[in-house]
Protein backbone atom coordinates (compact mmCIF):
# COMPACT_ATOMS: atom_id res chain seq x y z
CA MET A 1 93.58 164.17 149.28
CA LYS A 2 93.70 161.66 152.11
CA LYS A 3 96.33 161.91 154.81
CA PHE A 4 98.77 159.01 155.07
CA ASN A 5 97.27 157.80 158.34
CA GLU A 6 93.82 157.64 156.67
CA ILE A 7 95.09 155.41 153.84
CA ASN A 8 94.75 151.70 154.39
CA LYS A 9 98.31 150.38 154.32
CA LEU A 10 97.07 146.91 153.36
CA GLY A 11 96.57 148.24 149.84
CA PHE A 12 100.30 148.72 149.36
CA PHE A 13 100.69 144.94 149.06
CA GLY A 14 99.33 145.43 145.54
CA ILE A 15 102.71 146.79 144.49
CA LEU A 16 104.09 143.25 144.79
CA GLY A 17 101.91 142.30 141.82
CA PHE A 18 104.34 144.04 139.51
CA ILE A 19 106.88 141.29 140.24
CA GLY A 20 104.67 139.09 138.06
CA LEU A 21 105.78 141.13 135.06
CA ILE A 22 109.20 139.52 135.43
CA GLY A 23 107.54 136.21 134.57
CA ILE A 24 106.18 137.62 131.33
CA TYR A 25 109.53 138.99 130.22
CA THR A 26 111.65 136.00 131.30
CA GLY A 27 109.11 133.26 130.58
CA LYS A 28 109.42 131.78 134.08
CA LYS A 29 106.03 130.64 135.33
CA GLU A 30 107.06 130.89 139.00
CA PHE A 31 106.52 134.65 138.93
CA TYR A 32 102.92 134.49 137.66
CA SER A 33 101.59 133.89 141.17
CA PHE A 34 102.61 137.44 142.13
CA PHE A 35 99.76 138.77 139.98
CA ALA A 36 97.41 137.75 142.81
CA PHE A 37 98.73 140.67 144.86
CA PHE A 38 96.93 143.11 142.55
CA VAL A 39 93.76 142.26 144.52
CA PHE A 40 95.11 144.27 147.46
CA PHE A 41 94.80 147.55 145.52
CA GLN A 42 91.07 147.55 146.31
CA TYR A 43 91.89 148.16 149.98
CA LEU A 44 93.36 151.59 149.20
CA ASN A 45 89.77 152.88 149.02
CA VAL A 46 88.67 151.29 152.31
CA ILE A 47 88.90 153.64 155.26
CA PRO A 48 90.36 151.63 158.14
CA ASP A 49 88.38 151.88 161.35
CA GLU A 50 88.60 149.97 164.61
CA LEU A 51 86.30 147.15 163.50
CA PHE A 52 88.22 146.64 160.25
CA GLU A 53 91.53 146.45 162.11
CA GLU A 54 90.09 144.07 164.73
CA ASN A 55 88.70 141.72 162.06
CA LEU A 56 92.02 141.89 160.22
CA LYS A 57 93.89 140.91 163.38
CA LYS A 58 91.46 138.06 164.07
CA SER A 59 91.95 136.60 160.60
CA CYS A 60 95.63 137.33 160.05
CA ILE A 61 97.12 135.94 163.23
CA PRO A 62 95.92 132.33 162.71
CA ALA A 63 96.73 132.51 158.99
CA PHE A 64 100.25 133.73 159.72
CA PHE A 65 101.00 130.93 162.17
CA LEU A 66 99.43 128.29 159.93
CA THR A 67 101.55 129.47 157.00
CA LEU A 68 104.66 129.61 159.14
CA THR A 69 104.24 126.07 160.46
CA SER A 70 103.24 124.55 157.12
CA LEU A 71 106.19 126.21 155.39
CA SER A 72 108.58 124.99 158.07
CA ILE A 73 107.27 121.43 157.85
CA SER A 74 107.39 121.37 154.06
CA MET A 75 110.94 122.77 154.04
CA ALA A 76 112.07 120.18 156.56
CA LEU A 77 110.47 117.36 154.60
CA GLY A 78 112.02 118.66 151.41
CA MET A 79 115.47 118.68 152.96
CA ILE A 80 115.06 115.18 154.38
CA SER A 81 113.78 113.61 151.16
CA ASN A 82 115.79 114.82 148.20
CA LYS A 83 112.89 114.21 145.84
CA VAL A 84 111.65 116.72 143.31
CA SER A 85 108.23 117.92 144.30
CA ILE A 86 105.20 117.74 142.01
CA LEU A 87 105.05 121.52 141.91
CA GLU A 88 108.64 121.79 140.68
CA LYS A 89 107.98 119.14 138.01
CA GLY A 90 104.90 120.95 136.80
CA LEU A 91 106.72 124.24 136.38
CA GLU A 92 109.43 122.83 134.12
């Protein structure tokens, strides 16, 4: 059995995929997107080494800031214009 420090912690994001089951039971389509987190279970078998962690840092830092800024801008625009977005209309 692997020690906890040998397990790739990125694989634990796969647990969030079970939130998608709420969408099946309630019929709300908003929860279906959580099924995409099941992809992260494949990283439980990857042994993290220095190169893996360095590549992860290189790719995650720009993605985090891009997501943070785009979310902030879209929230601000949504508060300014009280219009229903296309995404909200499509999910009804």
